Amino acid sequence: MSLPGTHSIVKPTLQTPFYIDFNWWSQSEHNWKVILTSYLSPEHQQALAEMGQDETFDVIDPKSAEVRQVEALQYLLMTHYANRAEFITESSSLVESIFRLLLANGNRPMTPEYMAGKLGRSPQLILQILAGKQIYRGLRPYVPHS
């Protein structure tokens, strides 16, 4: 079995969960914090700068009741932006919509079928994008630790 963030030798299916692999971001030239910060309003960008990006918040998973910590930036996106109609729009690219959907849901792994229901897009098209050779925005299959 592969560790999260590594490629699996199993070809992903419509039931394969995907997530944002933030390790991918640290290994690429992209800085995920810069991109995520660009989603915030100027007021929230200022508040984040004043509070410090290393501050964390406890988040409770509504299904499992698991408590985990997320960075302030992700917390702001999840609590203040995720439920806004303009956070994920029909005019957004599919990759951007998937990325934002995962952010909005605390980066809990989701299958292409589930994403399709949330985004109103074809599950086969979502799978084709996510299972291709190109990795977009760190979107990878999730393989739990063994």
N, C-alpha and C. Protein backbone atom coordinates (compact mmCIF):
# COMPACT_ATOMS: atom_id res chain seq x y z
N MET A 1 0.83 -1.17 0.00
CA MET A 1 0.00 0.00 0.00
C MET A 1 0.88 1.25 0.00
N SER A 2 0.47 2.28 -0.69
CA SER A 2 1.23 3.53 -0.76
C SER A 2 0.85 4.45 0.37
N LEU A 3 1.77 5.31 0.72
CA LEU A 3 1.48 6.36 1.69
C LEU A 3 0.73 7.48 0.99
N PRO A 4 -0.06 8.25 1.74
CA PRO A 4 -0.71 9.40 1.11
C PRO A 4 0.35 10.27 0.44
N GLY A 5 0.01 10.71 -0.76
CA GLY A 5 0.93 11.56 -1.48
C GLY A 5 1.82 10.82 -2.44
N THR A 6 1.77 9.49 -2.42
CA THR A 6 2.53 8.72 -3.38
C THR A 6 1.56 8.10 -4.36
N HIS A 7 2.06 7.76 -5.51
CA HIS A 7 1.20 7.16 -6.51
C HIS A 7 0.95 5.69 -6.20
N SER A 8 -0.25 5.29 -6.41
CA SER A 8 -0.62 3.90 -6.23
C SER A 8 -0.48 3.21 -7.58
N ILE A 9 -0.21 1.91 -7.54
CA ILE A 9 -0.13 1.18 -8.80
C ILE A 9 -1.51 0.76 -9.27
N VAL A 10 -2.52 0.97 -8.45
CA VAL A 10 -3.89 0.65 -8.81
C VAL A 10 -4.48 1.82 -9.58
N LYS A 11 -5.12 1.51 -10.70
CA LYS A 11 -5.74 2.56 -11.49
C LYS A 11 -6.99 3.08 -10.77
N PRO A 12 -7.08 4.40 -10.56
CA PRO A 12 -8.24 4.95 -9.86
C PRO A 12 -9.55 4.68 -10.60
N THR A 13 -10.62 4.57 -9.82
CA THR A 13 -11.97 4.35 -10.36
C THR A 13 -12.89 5.47 -9.86
N LEU A 14 -14.16 5.37 -10.20
CA LEU A 14 -15.13 6.35 -9.74
C LEU A 14 -15.32 6.32 -8.22
N GLN A 15 -14.90 5.21 -7.59
CA GLN A 15 -15.02 5.07 -6.14
C GLN A 15 -13.72 5.38 -5.40
N THR A 16 -12.67 5.73 -6.12
CA THR A 16 -11.39 6.08 -5.49
C THR A 16 -11.49 7.47 -4.88
N PRO A 17 -11.18 7.60 -3.59
CA PRO A 17 -11.20 8.94 -2.99
C PRO A 17 -9.95 9.74 -3.38
N PHE A 18 -10.13 11.02 -3.56
CA PHE A 18 -9.04 11.95 -3.88
C PHE A 18 -8.99 13.03 -2.82
N TYR A 19 -7.81 13.63 -2.68
CA TYR A 19 -7.61 14.70 -1.72
C TYR A 19 -6.54 15.64 -2.25
N ILE A 20 -6.30 16.74 -1.54
CA ILE A 20 -5.23 17.67 -1.89
C ILE A 20 -3.99 17.22 -1.13
N ASP A 21 -2.97 16.84 -1.85
CA ASP A 21 -1.71 16.42 -1.23
C ASP A 21 -0.83 17.65 -1.07
N PHE A 22 -0.81 18.21 0.14
CA PHE A 22 -0.03 19.43 0.37
C PHE A 22 1.47 19.16 0.32
N ASN A 23 1.89 17.91 0.43
CA ASN A 23 3.30 17.58 0.23
C ASN A 23 3.70 17.84 -1.22
N TRP A 24 2.79 17.61 -2.15
CA TRP A 24 3.06 17.90 -3.55
C TRP A 24 3.39 19.38 -3.72
N TRP A 25 2.64 20.23 -3.02
CA TRP A 25 2.88 21.67 -3.11
C TRP A 25 4.27 22.01 -2.59
N SER A 26 4.68 21.39 -1.50
CA SER A 26 6.00 21.71 -0.94
C SER A 26 7.13 21.23 -1.85
N GLN A 27 6.85 20.24 -2.68
CA GLN A 27 7.88 19.71 -3.59
C GLN A 27 7.85 20.39 -4.96
N SER A 28 6.84 21.19 -5.23
CA SER A 28 6.76 21.89 -6.51
C SER A 28 7.16 23.34 -6.29
N GLU A 29 7.16 24.10 -7.34
CA GLU A 29 7.55 25.50 -7.21
C GLU A 29 6.39 26.37 -6.72
N HIS A 30 5.23 25.78 -6.59
CA HIS A 30 4.04 26.52 -6.20
C HIS A 30 3.95 26.64 -4.68
N ASN A 31 3.41 27.74 -4.22
CA ASN A 31 3.19 27.93 -2.80
C ASN A 31 1.69 27.96 -2.57
N TRP A 32 1.15 26.89 -1.97
CA TRP A 32 -0.29 26.77 -1.78
C TRP A 32 -0.84 27.88 -0.90
N LYS A 33 -0.06 28.38 0.04
CA LYS A 33 -0.56 29.43 0.92
C LYS A 33 -0.80 30.73 0.15
N VAL A 34 0.03 31.01 -0.85
CA VAL A 34 -0.16 32.20 -1.66
C VAL A 34 -1.47 32.08 -2.45
N ILE A 35 -1.69 30.91 -3.04
CA ILE A 35 -2.92 30.70 -3.82
C ILE A 35 -4.14 30.77 -2.92
N LEU A 36 -4.10 30.09 -1.76
CA LEU A 36 -5.25 30.09 -0.87
C LEU A 36 -5.51 31.49 -0.30
N THR A 37 -4.46 32.22 0.00
CA THR A 37 -4.63 33.57 0.52
C THR A 37 -5.30 34.46 -0.51
N SER A 38 -5.06 34.21 -1.78
CA SER A 38 -5.69 35.03 -2.83
C SER A 38 -7.21 34.85 -2.86
N TYR A 39 -7.72 33.77 -2.27
CA TYR A 39 -9.17 33.56 -2.20
C TYR A 39 -9.84 34.45 -1.15
N LEU A 40 -9.06 35.00 -0.22
CA LEU A 40 -9.60 35.78 0.90
C LEU A 40 -9.84 37.23 0.51
N SER A 41 -10.77 37.85 1.21
CA SER A 41 -11.00 39.28 1.04
C SER A 41 -9.79 40.04 1.61
N PRO A 42 -9.60 41.30 1.21
CA PRO A 42 -8.49 42.07 1.78
C PRO A 42 -8.56 42.15 3.31
N GLU A 43 -9.76 42.23 3.86
CA GLU A 43 -9.91 42.30 5.32
C GLU A 43 -9.43 41.02 5.98
N HIS A 44 -9.80 39.86 5.41
CA HIS A 44 -9.36 38.60 5.97
C HIS A 44 -7.86 38.37 5.75
N GLN A 45 -7.33 38.87 4.63
CA GLN A 45 -5.89 38.76 4.41
C GLN A 45 -5.15 39.54 5.50
N GLN A 46 -5.65 40.73 5.84
CA GLN A 46 -5.04 41.54 6.89
C GLN A 46 -5.16 40.85 8.24
N ALA A 47 -6.34 40.31 8.55
CA ALA A 47 -6.55 39.62 9.82
C ALA A 47 -5.62 38.41 9.94
N LEU A 48 -5.45 37.69 8.85
CA LEU A 48 -4.57 36.53 8.85
C LEU A 48 -3.12 36.95 9.07
N ALA A 49 -2.72 38.04 8.45
CA ALA A 49 -1.35 38.53 8.62
C ALA A 49 -1.11 38.94 10.08
N GLU A 50 -2.12 39.53 10.70
CA GLU A 50 -1.98 39.96 12.09
C GLU A 50 -1.98 38.78 13.06
N MET A 51 -2.76 37.75 12.76
CA MET A 51 -2.86 36.60 13.67
C MET A 51 -1.70 35.63 13.47
N GLY A 52 -1.16 35.57 12.29
CA GLY A 52 -0.08 34.63 12.00
C GLY A 52 -0.63 33.37 11.37
N GLN A 53 -0.03 32.98 10.27
CA GLN A 53 -0.54 31.82 9.53
C GLN A 53 -0.29 30.50 10.23
N ASP A 54 0.57 30.49 11.23
CA ASP A 54 0.86 29.24 11.93
C ASP A 54 -0.15 28.91 13.01
N GLU A 55 -1.04 29.85 13.32
CA GLU A 55 -2.08 29.58 14.32
C GLU A 55 -3.00 28.49 13.79
N THR A 56 -3.43 27.59 14.69
CA THR A 56 -4.30 26.50 14.28
C THR A 56 -5.62 26.55 15.05
N PHE A 57 -6.61 25.89 14.48
CA PHE A 57 -7.94 25.81 15.08
C PHE A 57 -8.38 24.36 15.09
N ASP A 58 -9.12 23.99 16.12
CA ASP A 58 -9.70 22.65 16.17
C ASP A 58 -10.95 22.61 15.31
N VAL A 59 -11.06 21.57 14.51
CA VAL A 59 -12.22 21.36 13.66
C VAL A 59 -12.74 19.96 13.98
N ILE A 60 -14.05 19.86 14.15
CA ILE A 60 -14.67 18.57 14.47
C ILE A 60 -15.36 18.04 13.23
N ASP A 61 -15.01 16.83 12.83
CA ASP A 61 -15.65 16.17 11.70
C ASP A 61 -17.08 15.82 12.12
N PRO A 62 -18.09 16.32 11.38
CA PRO A 62 -19.48 16.08 11.78
C PRO A 62 -19.90 14.61 11.71
N LYS A 63 -19.23 13.81 10.90
CA LYS A 63 -19.60 12.40 10.77
C LYS A 63 -18.89 11.52 11.79
N SER A 64 -17.59 11.73 11.96
CA SER A 64 -16.81 10.85 12.83
C SER A 64 -16.57 11.43 14.22
N ALA A 65 -16.84 12.71 14.40
CA ALA A 65 -16.57 13.44 15.65
C ALA A 65 -15.07 13.53 15.93
N GLU A 66 -14.25 13.20 14.94
CA GLU A 66 -12.80 13.32 15.08
C GLU A 66 -12.42 14.80 15.13
N VAL A 67 -11.55 15.14 16.06
CA VAL A 67 -11.05 16.50 16.18
C VAL A 67 -9.67 16.55 15.53
N ARG A 68 -9.48 17.51 14.65
CA ARG A 68 -8.17 17.69 14.05
C ARG A 68 -7.89 19.17 13.95
N GLN A 69 -6.63 19.49 13.82
CA GLN A 69 -6.23 20.89 13.74
C GLN A 69 -5.98 21.28 12.30
N VAL A 70 -6.43 22.49 11.96
CA VAL A 70 -6.17 23.04 10.64
C VAL A 70 -5.55 24.42 10.83
N GLU A 71 -4.76 24.83 9.87
CA GLU A 71 -4.14 26.14 9.92
C GLU A 71 -5.20 27.22 9.75
N ALA A 72 -4.87 28.41 10.24
CA ALA A 72 -5.81 29.53 10.22
C ALA A 72 -6.34 29.81 8.81
N LEU A 73 -5.49 29.73 7.82
CA LEU A 73 -5.89 29.99 6.45
C LEU A 73 -6.98 29.02 6.00
N GLN A 74 -6.76 27.75 6.22
CA GLN A 74 -7.77 26.76 5.83
C GLN A 74 -9.04 26.93 6.66
N TYR A 75 -8.90 27.26 7.93
CA TYR A 75 -10.05 27.48 8.79
C TYR A 75 -10.91 28.63 8.25
N LEU A 76 -10.28 29.74 7.87
CA LEU A 76 -11.02 30.86 7.30
C LEU A 76 -11.78 30.45 6.04
N LEU A 77 -11.12 29.71 5.18
CA LEU A 77 -11.77 29.27 3.95
C LEU A 77 -12.96 28.36 4.25
N MET A 78 -12.78 27.44 5.19
CA MET A 78 -13.84 26.48 5.51
C MET A 78 -15.03 27.16 6.19
N THR A 79 -14.77 28.13 7.06
CA THR A 79 -15.86 28.71 7.85
C THR A 79 -16.49 29.95 7.22
N HIS A 80 -15.72 30.72 6.47
CA HIS A 80 -16.25 31.98 5.94
C HIS A 80 -16.50 31.98 4.44
N TYR A 81 -15.87 31.09 3.70
CA TYR A 81 -15.98 31.16 2.25
C TYR A 81 -16.65 29.94 1.62
N ALA A 82 -16.49 28.80 2.21
CA ALA A 82 -16.93 27.54 1.59
C ALA A 82 -18.41 27.52 1.25
N ASN A 83 -19.25 28.12 2.05
CA ASN A 83 -20.68 28.06 1.80
C ASN A 83 -21.22 29.22 0.98
N ARG A 84 -20.36 30.09 0.56
CA ARG A 84 -20.77 31.21 -0.29
C ARG A 84 -20.97 30.71 -1.72
N ALA A 85 -22.01 31.18 -2.34
CA ALA A 85 -22.32 30.75 -3.71
C ALA A 85 -21.18 31.06 -4.67
N GLU A 86 -20.47 32.14 -4.43
CA GLU A 86 -19.41 32.54 -5.36
C GLU A 86 -18.08 31.81 -5.13
N PHE A 87 -18.00 30.97 -4.10
CA PHE A 87 -16.74 30.24 -3.86
C PHE A 87 -16.50 29.19 -4.94
N ILE A 88 -17.54 28.47 -5.32
CA ILE A 88 -17.46 27.51 -6.43
C ILE A 88 -18.55 27.90 -7.41
N THR A 89 -18.14 28.32 -8.60
CA THR A 89 -19.11 28.77 -9.60
C THR A 89 -19.06 27.88 -10.84
N GLU A 90 -20.10 27.98 -11.63
CA GLU A 90 -20.15 27.21 -12.88
C GLU A 90 -19.08 27.67 -13.87
N SER A 91 -18.63 28.91 -13.74
CA SER A 91 -17.62 29.41 -14.67
C SER A 91 -16.20 29.01 -14.27
N SER A 92 -16.04 28.45 -13.06
CA SER A 92 -14.72 28.00 -12.64
C SER A 92 -14.32 26.76 -13.44
N SER A 93 -13.02 26.61 -13.66
CA SER A 93 -12.55 25.39 -14.33
C SER A 93 -12.88 24.19 -13.44
N LEU A 94 -12.93 23.02 -14.03
CA LEU A 94 -13.24 21.82 -13.26
C LEU A 94 -12.17 21.57 -12.20
N VAL A 95 -10.90 21.74 -12.54
CA VAL A 95 -9.83 21.54 -11.57
C VAL A 95 -9.99 22.52 -10.41
N GLU A 96 -10.26 23.77 -10.71
CA GLU A 96 -10.46 24.78 -9.66
C GLU A 96 -11.66 24.43 -8.79
N SER A 97 -12.74 23.98 -9.40
CA SER A 97 -13.94 23.60 -8.64
C SER A 97 -13.66 22.43 -7.71
N ILE A 98 -12.95 21.42 -8.20
CA ILE A 98 -12.60 20.26 -7.37
C ILE A 98 -11.72 20.70 -6.21
N PHE A 99 -10.72 21.51 -6.50
CA PHE A 99 -9.80 22.01 -5.49
C PHE A 99 -10.56 22.76 -4.40
N ARG A 100 -11.44 23.65 -4.81
CA ARG A 100 -12.21 24.44 -3.85
C ARG A 100 -13.20 23.57 -3.07
N LEU A 101 -13.78 22.58 -3.72
CA LEU A 101 -14.70 21.67 -3.03
C LEU A 101 -13.97 20.91 -1.92
N LEU A 102 -12.78 20.42 -2.22
CA LEU A 102 -12.01 19.73 -1.20
C LEU A 102 -11.61 20.68 -0.07
N LEU A 103 -11.23 21.89 -0.40
CA LEU A 103 -10.91 22.89 0.64
C LEU A 103 -12.12 23.15 1.51
N ALA A 104 -13.26 23.33 0.87
CA ALA A 104 -14.48 23.66 1.59
C ALA A 104 -14.88 22.54 2.55
N ASN A 105 -14.49 21.33 2.24
CA ASN A 105 -14.83 20.18 3.07
C ASN A 105 -13.66 19.71 3.92
N GLY A 106 -12.75 20.61 4.21
CA GLY A 106 -11.65 20.29 5.11
C GLY A 106 -10.67 19.28 4.54
N ASN A 107 -10.63 19.17 3.22
CA ASN A 107 -9.74 18.24 2.51
C ASN A 107 -10.01 16.78 2.90
N ARG A 108 -11.25 16.50 3.26
CA ARG A 108 -11.63 15.10 3.48
C ARG A 108 -11.72 14.43 2.11
N PRO A 109 -11.10 13.26 1.94
CA PRO A 109 -11.11 12.59 0.64
C PRO A 109 -12.53 12.37 0.11
N MET A 110 -12.68 12.58 -1.20
CA MET A 110 -13.97 12.41 -1.87
C MET A 110 -13.78 11.64 -3.17
N THR A 111 -14.78 10.87 -3.53
CA THR A 111 -14.74 10.13 -4.78
C THR A 111 -15.22 11.02 -5.92
N PRO A 112 -14.84 10.67 -7.16
CA PRO A 112 -15.36 11.43 -8.31
C PRO A 112 -16.89 11.40 -8.37
N GLU A 113 -17.50 10.29 -7.96
CA GLU A 113 -18.97 10.22 -7.96
C GLU A 113 -19.56 11.23 -6.99
N TYR A 114 -18.99 11.33 -5.80
CA TYR A 114 -19.48 12.28 -4.81
C TYR A 114 -19.27 13.71 -5.30
N MET A 115 -18.07 13.99 -5.84
CA MET A 115 -17.78 15.33 -6.35
C MET A 115 -18.74 15.72 -7.46
N ALA A 116 -19.05 14.75 -8.32
CA ALA A 116 -19.95 15.01 -9.44
C ALA A 116 -21.31 15.48 -8.94
N GLY A 117 -21.80 14.84 -7.88
CA GLY A 117 -23.08 15.23 -7.31
C GLY A 117 -23.04 16.64 -6.74
N LYS A 118 -21.93 17.02 -6.15
CA LYS A 118 -21.79 18.35 -5.56
C LYS A 118 -21.57 19.43 -6.62
N LEU A 119 -20.87 19.06 -7.70
CA LEU A 119 -20.49 20.05 -8.72
C LEU A 119 -21.40 20.06 -9.94
N GLY A 120 -22.26 19.05 -10.06
CA GLY A 120 -23.12 18.97 -11.24
C GLY A 120 -22.34 18.69 -12.50
N ARG A 121 -21.27 17.93 -12.38
CA ARG A 121 -20.42 17.59 -13.52
C ARG A 121 -20.37 16.07 -13.68
N SER A 122 -19.87 15.60 -14.78
CA SER A 122 -19.78 14.18 -15.07
C SER A 122 -18.73 13.51 -14.18
N PRO A 123 -19.10 12.40 -13.51
CA PRO A 123 -18.09 11.70 -12.70
C PRO A 123 -16.96 11.14 -13.55
N GLN A 124 -17.26 10.73 -14.78
CA GLN A 124 -16.23 10.20 -15.67
C GLN A 124 -15.23 11.28 -16.06
N LEU A 125 -15.73 12.49 -16.30
CA LEU A 125 -14.83 13.60 -16.64
C LEU A 125 -13.96 13.96 -15.44
N ILE A 126 -14.54 13.98 -14.26
CA ILE A 126 -13.76 14.26 -13.04
C ILE A 126 -12.67 13.21 -12.87
N LEU A 127 -13.02 11.94 -13.04
CA LEU A 127 -12.03 10.87 -12.93
C LEU A 127 -10.94 11.01 -13.98
N GLN A 128 -11.32 11.33 -15.20
CA GLN A 128 -10.34 11.50 -16.28
C GLN A 128 -9.33 12.59 -15.93
N ILE A 129 -9.80 13.69 -15.38
CA ILE A 129 -8.90 14.79 -14.98
C ILE A 129 -7.99 14.36 -13.84
N LEU A 130 -8.58 13.72 -12.82
CA LEU A 130 -7.83 13.39 -11.61
C LEU A 130 -6.90 12.20 -11.78
N ALA A 131 -7.22 11.28 -12.67
CA ALA A 131 -6.42 10.06 -12.82
C ALA A 131 -5.41 10.15 -13.95
N GLY A 132 -5.32 11.30 -14.60
CA GLY A 132 -4.37 11.46 -15.69
C GLY A 132 -2.93 11.54 -15.20
N LYS A 133 -2.01 11.61 -16.14
CA LYS A 133 -0.59 11.67 -15.79
C LYS A 133 -0.22 13.00 -15.15
N GLN A 134 -0.89 14.07 -15.55
CA GLN A 134 -0.65 15.40 -15.00
C GLN A 134 -1.31 15.52 -13.63
N ILE A 135 -0.59 16.02 -12.64
CA ILE A 135 -1.16 16.28 -11.32
C ILE A 135 -1.48 17.76 -11.25
N TYR A 136 -2.75 18.06 -11.05
CA TYR A 136 -3.20 19.44 -10.96
C TYR A 136 -3.42 19.80 -9.49
N ARG A 137 -2.77 20.88 -9.05
CA ARG A 137 -2.98 21.43 -7.71
C ARG A 137 -2.86 20.40 -6.58
N GLY A 138 -2.06 19.39 -6.80
CA GLY A 138 -1.85 18.39 -5.75
C GLY A 138 -3.01 17.43 -5.57
N LEU A 139 -3.93 17.38 -6.52
CA LEU A 139 -5.10 16.49 -6.42
C LEU A 139 -4.65 15.07 -6.76
N ARG A 140 -4.68 14.21 -5.74
CA ARG A 140 -4.18 12.84 -5.89
C ARG A 140 -5.12 11.83 -5.24
N PRO A 141 -4.99 10.57 -5.64
CA PRO A 141 -5.74 9.51 -4.94
C PRO A 141 -5.30 9.43 -3.50
N TYR A 142 -6.24 9.21 -2.63
CA TYR A 142 -5.94 9.06 -1.20
C TYR A 142 -5.83 7.57 -0.87
N VAL A 143 -4.70 7.20 -0.31
CA VAL A 143 -4.47 5.83 0.15
C VAL A 143 -4.19 5.93 1.64
N PRO A 144 -5.09 5.40 2.49
CA PRO A 144 -4.88 5.51 3.93
C PRO A 144 -3.62 4.80 4.39
N HIS A 145 -3.07 5.27 5.49
CA HIS A 145 -1.91 4.61 6.09
C HIS A 145 -2.30 3.18 6.44
N SER A 146 -1.38 2.28 6.31
CA SER A 146 -1.67 0.90 6.71
C SER A 146 -1.07 0.59 8.06
